[in-house]
Every structure is written in C-alpha cells, then in structure tokens.
Amino acid sequence: MRLLLTVLVLALAVPTLLVAAIALGPVIVGILCAVGFGLIVFAIVSLFLGLGAGAERVGSRLARH
C-alpha cells in the first residue's frame, strides 16, 4: 500500500513540476537577462569611474612637478 501511494504521488508530482518549469521558464530567462544587463552596465560605469580616477591622479602628479 505504501509503495502504491509513493508511485501515485510521484506520478502526479512529475507532470506538475514540468508544468511549473514551463510556466516559470520565461520568468527565469527574464531575470537572467536583467541581471546580465545590470552587470554589463555596472562594468561600463566602473570603467569610466576608474578612467576618471586615473586621469585625476595623473593630473595631480603632473601639477606637483
């Protein structure tokens, strides 16, 4: 009886999980795209901030000499 109940639970759980995975697929892809885009924007902003800080440091060195 316990084995039959386990088989029935698994037989009902697998299609439910598949439906949930198909339904949430676009949401997960959207989240991954948003995170990736955010990382690209962060890298570009960090590059410009680093270039600005480096240019300021070089300018202050030249002003001292």
C-alpha atoms as a PDB file:
ATOM      1  CA  MET A   1       0.000   0.000   0.000  1.00  0.00           C
ATOM      2  CA  ARG A   2       2.819   2.397   0.878  1.00  0.00           C
ATOM      3  CA  LEU A   3       4.563   1.635  -2.422  1.00  0.00           C
ATOM      4  CA  LEU A   4       1.367   2.310  -4.368  1.00  0.00           C
ATOM      5  CA  LEU A   5       0.906   5.646  -2.607  1.00  0.00           C
ATOM      6  CA  THR A   6       4.519   6.618  -3.336  1.00  0.00           C
ATOM      7  CA  VAL A   7       4.118   5.750  -7.012  1.00  0.00           C
ATOM      8  CA  LEU A   8       0.901   7.763  -7.255  1.00  0.00           C
ATOM      9  CA  VAL A   9       2.497  10.791  -5.586  1.00  0.00           C
ATOM     10  CA  LEU A  10       5.466  10.652  -7.954  1.00  0.00           C
ATOM     11  CA  ALA A  11       3.196  10.130 -10.949  1.00  0.00           C
ATOM     12  CA  LEU A  12       1.264  13.281 -10.056  1.00  0.00           C
ATOM     13  CA  ALA A  13       4.299  15.321  -8.950  1.00  0.00           C
ATOM     14  CA  VAL A  14       6.374  14.932 -12.121  1.00  0.00           C
ATOM     15  CA  PRO A  15       3.819  16.481 -14.525  1.00  0.00           C
ATOM     16  CA  THR A  16       3.138  19.247 -12.005  1.00  0.00           C
ATOM     17  CA  LEU A  17       6.845  20.067 -11.817  1.00  0.00           C
ATOM     18  CA  LEU A  18       7.115  20.033 -15.609  1.00  0.00           C
ATOM     19  CA  VAL A  19       4.176  22.428 -15.972  1.00  0.00           C
ATOM     20  CA  ALA A  20       5.681  24.718 -13.330  1.00  0.00           C
ATOM     21  CA  ALA A  21       9.066  24.645 -15.082  1.00  0.00           C
ATOM     22  CA  ILE A  22       7.477  25.503 -18.444  1.00  0.00           C
ATOM     23  CA  ALA A  23       5.407  28.294 -16.895  1.00  0.00           C
ATOM     24  CA  LEU A  24       8.350  29.801 -14.999  1.00  0.00           C
ATOM     25  CA  GLY A  25      10.848  29.424 -17.857  1.00  0.00           C
ATOM     26  CA  PRO A  26      10.275  32.873 -19.387  1.00  0.00           C
ATOM     27  CA  VAL A  27      10.367  34.466 -15.936  1.00  0.00           C
ATOM     28  CA  ILE A  28      13.729  32.880 -15.178  1.00  0.00           C
ATOM     29  CA  VAL A  29      15.096  33.898 -18.583  1.00  0.00           C
ATOM     30  CA  GLY A  30      13.899  37.455 -17.972  1.00  0.00           C
ATOM     31  CA  ILE A  31      15.579  37.564 -14.573  1.00  0.00           C
ATOM     32  CA  LEU A  32      18.826  36.244 -16.021  1.00  0.00           C
ATOM     33  CA  CYS A  33      18.713  38.839 -18.810  1.00  0.00           C
ATOM     34  CA  ALA A  34      18.094  41.633 -16.320  1.00  0.00           C
ATOM     35  CA  VAL A  35      20.970  40.503 -14.120  1.00  0.00           C
ATOM     36  CA  GLY A  36      23.285  40.187 -17.122  1.00  0.00           C
ATOM     37  CA  PHE A  37      22.346  43.629 -18.394  1.00  0.00           C
ATOM     38  CA  GLY A  38      22.880  45.073 -14.921  1.00  0.00           C
ATOM     39  CA  LEU A  39      26.354  43.520 -14.779  1.00  0.00           C
ATOM     40  CA  ILE A  40      27.221  44.987 -18.185  1.00  0.00           C
ATOM     41  CA  VAL A  41      26.061  48.450 -17.104  1.00  0.00           C
ATOM     42  CA  PHE A  42      27.991  48.105 -13.825  1.00  0.00           C
ATOM     43  CA  ALA A  43      31.164  47.141 -15.724  1.00  0.00           C
ATOM     44  CA  ILE A  44      30.849  50.123 -18.088  1.00  0.00           C
ATOM     45  CA  VAL A  45      30.208  52.589 -15.238  1.00  0.00           C
ATOM     46  CA  SER A  46      33.125  51.139 -13.256  1.00  0.00           C
ATOM     47  CA  LEU A  47      35.372  51.505 -16.306  1.00  0.00           C
ATOM     48  CA  PHE A  48      34.517  55.190 -16.694  1.00  0.00           C
ATOM     49  CA  LEU A  49      34.891  55.842 -12.965  1.00  0.00           C
ATOM     50  CA  GLY A  50      38.269  54.105 -12.993  1.00  0.00           C
ATOM     51  CA  LEU A  51      39.410  56.100 -16.015  1.00  0.00           C
ATOM     52  CA  GLY A  52      38.259  59.313 -14.336  1.00  0.00           C
ATOM     53  CA  ALA A  53      40.088  58.491 -11.103  1.00  0.00           C
ATOM     54  CA  GLY A  54      43.219  57.532 -13.044  1.00  0.00           C
ATOM     55  CA  ALA A  55      43.132  60.732 -15.074  1.00  0.00           C
ATOM     56  CA  GLU A  56      42.705  62.760 -11.881  1.00  0.00           C
ATOM     57  CA  ARG A  57      45.682  61.005 -10.281  1.00  0.00           C
ATOM     58  CA  VAL A  58      47.883  61.610 -13.352  1.00  0.00           C
ATOM     59  CA  GLY A  59      46.785  65.249 -13.423  1.00  0.00           C
ATOM     60  CA  SER A  60      47.689  65.746  -9.769  1.00  0.00           C
ATOM     61  CA  ARG A  61      51.121  64.163 -10.344  1.00  0.00           C
ATOM     62  CA  LEU A  62      51.785  66.473 -13.277  1.00  0.00           C
ATOM     63  CA  ALA A  63      50.677  69.514 -11.273  1.00  0.00           C
ATOM     64  CA  ARG A  64      53.179  68.730  -8.487  1.00  0.00           C
ATOM     65  CA  HIS A  65      56.154  68.584 -10.865  1.00  0.00           C
END
